[in-house]
Protein backbone atom coordinates (compact mmCIF):
# COMPACT_ATOMS: atom_id res chain seq x y z
CA MET A 1 9.16 -13.53 -0.13
CA ALA A 2 8.24 -16.28 2.33
CA THR A 3 4.78 -16.81 0.87
CA TYR A 4 6.22 -17.12 -2.64
CA ALA A 5 8.72 -19.73 -1.39
CA LEU A 6 5.92 -21.72 0.24
CA ASP A 7 3.77 -21.53 -2.89
CA ALA A 8 6.68 -22.59 -5.11
CA ALA A 9 7.33 -25.58 -2.84
CA GLY A 10 3.66 -26.58 -2.97
CA ILE A 11 3.21 -26.06 0.76
CA GLN A 12 -0.23 -24.86 1.79
CA TRP A 13 -0.26 -22.09 4.35
CA THR A 14 -2.74 -19.92 6.17
CA GLU A 15 -2.09 -16.46 7.52
CA VAL A 16 -3.29 -16.48 11.11
CA PHE A 17 -1.62 -13.45 12.61
CA VAL A 18 -0.74 -10.00 11.30
CA GLY A 19 1.38 -7.90 13.62
CA GLY A 20 2.01 -4.21 13.76
CA GLY A 21 5.78 -4.57 13.64
CA ILE A 22 8.71 -6.84 14.31
CA GLY A 23 8.25 -6.58 18.07
CA THR A 24 4.69 -7.83 17.90
CA ILE A 25 5.53 -10.65 15.51
CA GLY A 26 8.55 -11.61 17.60
CA ALA A 27 6.39 -11.79 20.72
CA ALA A 28 3.90 -14.08 18.96
CA VAL A 29 6.68 -16.36 17.74
CA SER A 30 8.31 -16.39 21.19
CA ALA A 31 4.98 -17.43 22.69
CA GLY A 32 4.85 -20.41 20.32
CA LEU A 33 1.75 -19.21 18.48
CA ALA A 34 3.19 -19.56 14.97
CA VAL A 35 6.26 -19.51 12.76
CA ALA A 36 7.55 -16.45 10.93
CA ALA A 37 10.21 -15.67 8.38
CA LEU A 38 12.58 -13.50 10.41
CA GLY A 39 16.17 -12.56 9.84
CA ARG A 40 18.54 -13.95 12.44
CA ARG A 41 19.42 -10.40 13.46
CA VAL A 42 15.83 -9.54 14.43
CA ALA A 43 14.58 -12.92 15.66
CA PRO A 44 14.06 -13.00 19.44
CA ALA A 45 16.84 -14.78 21.31
CA VAL A 46 14.49 -17.47 22.65
CA THR A 47 13.44 -18.61 19.15
CA VAL A 48 14.96 -21.39 17.07
CA ASP A 49 15.15 -21.99 13.33
CA VAL A 50 12.71 -24.86 12.74
CA GLY A 51 12.62 -24.50 8.95
CA PRO A 52 14.86 -27.46 8.06
CA ARG A 53 13.31 -29.64 10.77
CA VAL A 54 9.75 -29.19 9.49
CA GLY A 55 10.59 -29.13 5.79
CA LEU A 56 10.19 -25.43 5.06
CA PRO A 57 11.99 -24.11 1.98
CA GLY A 58 15.01 -21.87 2.36
CA LEU A 59 14.63 -18.20 1.56
CA PRO A 60 16.82 -16.37 -0.94
CA SER A 61 19.17 -13.69 0.26
CA ARG A 62 18.36 -10.09 -0.56
CA GLU A 63 20.53 -7.10 -1.24
CA VAL A 64 20.22 -4.09 1.00
CA MET A 65 20.95 -0.72 -0.51
CA LEU A 66 21.48 2.36 1.60
CA TYR A 67 21.40 5.72 -0.15
CA SER A 68 22.08 8.99 1.56
CA ASN A 69 22.91 12.56 0.66
CA LEU A 70 24.16 13.40 4.13
CA THR A 71 27.30 15.49 4.30
CA ASP A 72 27.62 15.82 8.06
CA ARG A 73 30.79 13.95 9.12
CA THR A 74 29.17 12.39 12.22
CA ALA A 75 26.11 11.19 10.27
CA CYS A 76 28.30 9.73 7.52
CA LYS A 77 30.37 7.84 10.10
CA ALA A 78 27.18 6.47 11.67
CA LEU A 79 25.97 5.26 8.25
CA ARG A 80 29.32 3.57 7.55
CA THR A 81 29.09 1.84 10.93
CA LEU A 82 25.54 0.68 10.16
CA GLY A 83 26.63 -0.65 6.77
CA ALA A 84 29.55 -2.56 8.33
CA ALA A 85 27.22 -4.12 10.92
CA ILE A 86 24.80 -5.28 8.23
CA ARG A 87 27.60 -6.72 6.10
CA SER A 88 29.14 -8.55 9.09
CA THR A 89 25.90 -10.38 9.90
CA ALA A 90 25.02 -11.12 6.28
CA GLY A 91 28.40 -12.52 5.32
CA GLY A 92 28.89 -9.94 2.57
CA PRO A 93 32.09 -8.16 1.58
CA THR A 94 33.51 -5.82 4.20
């Protein structure tokens, strides 16, 4: 998604780091090695959104769908709680 937005804006980019997961990428961003397209929920606390300051294009929002066939009452409650947490941070309907 981020690379498409950069291409559409005519901004040249070079991939310089590929991490094995969000923790690795977050550590690289926290160390000041690069920028990354991270959701606010998963971005390390010490990072700042520099996109507007350096002229990066905004990213479109995405829908998150959660499907489950669980019938266990405790598991269903946990999934409802997870869904509410995602909606509360994304500004979606509650």
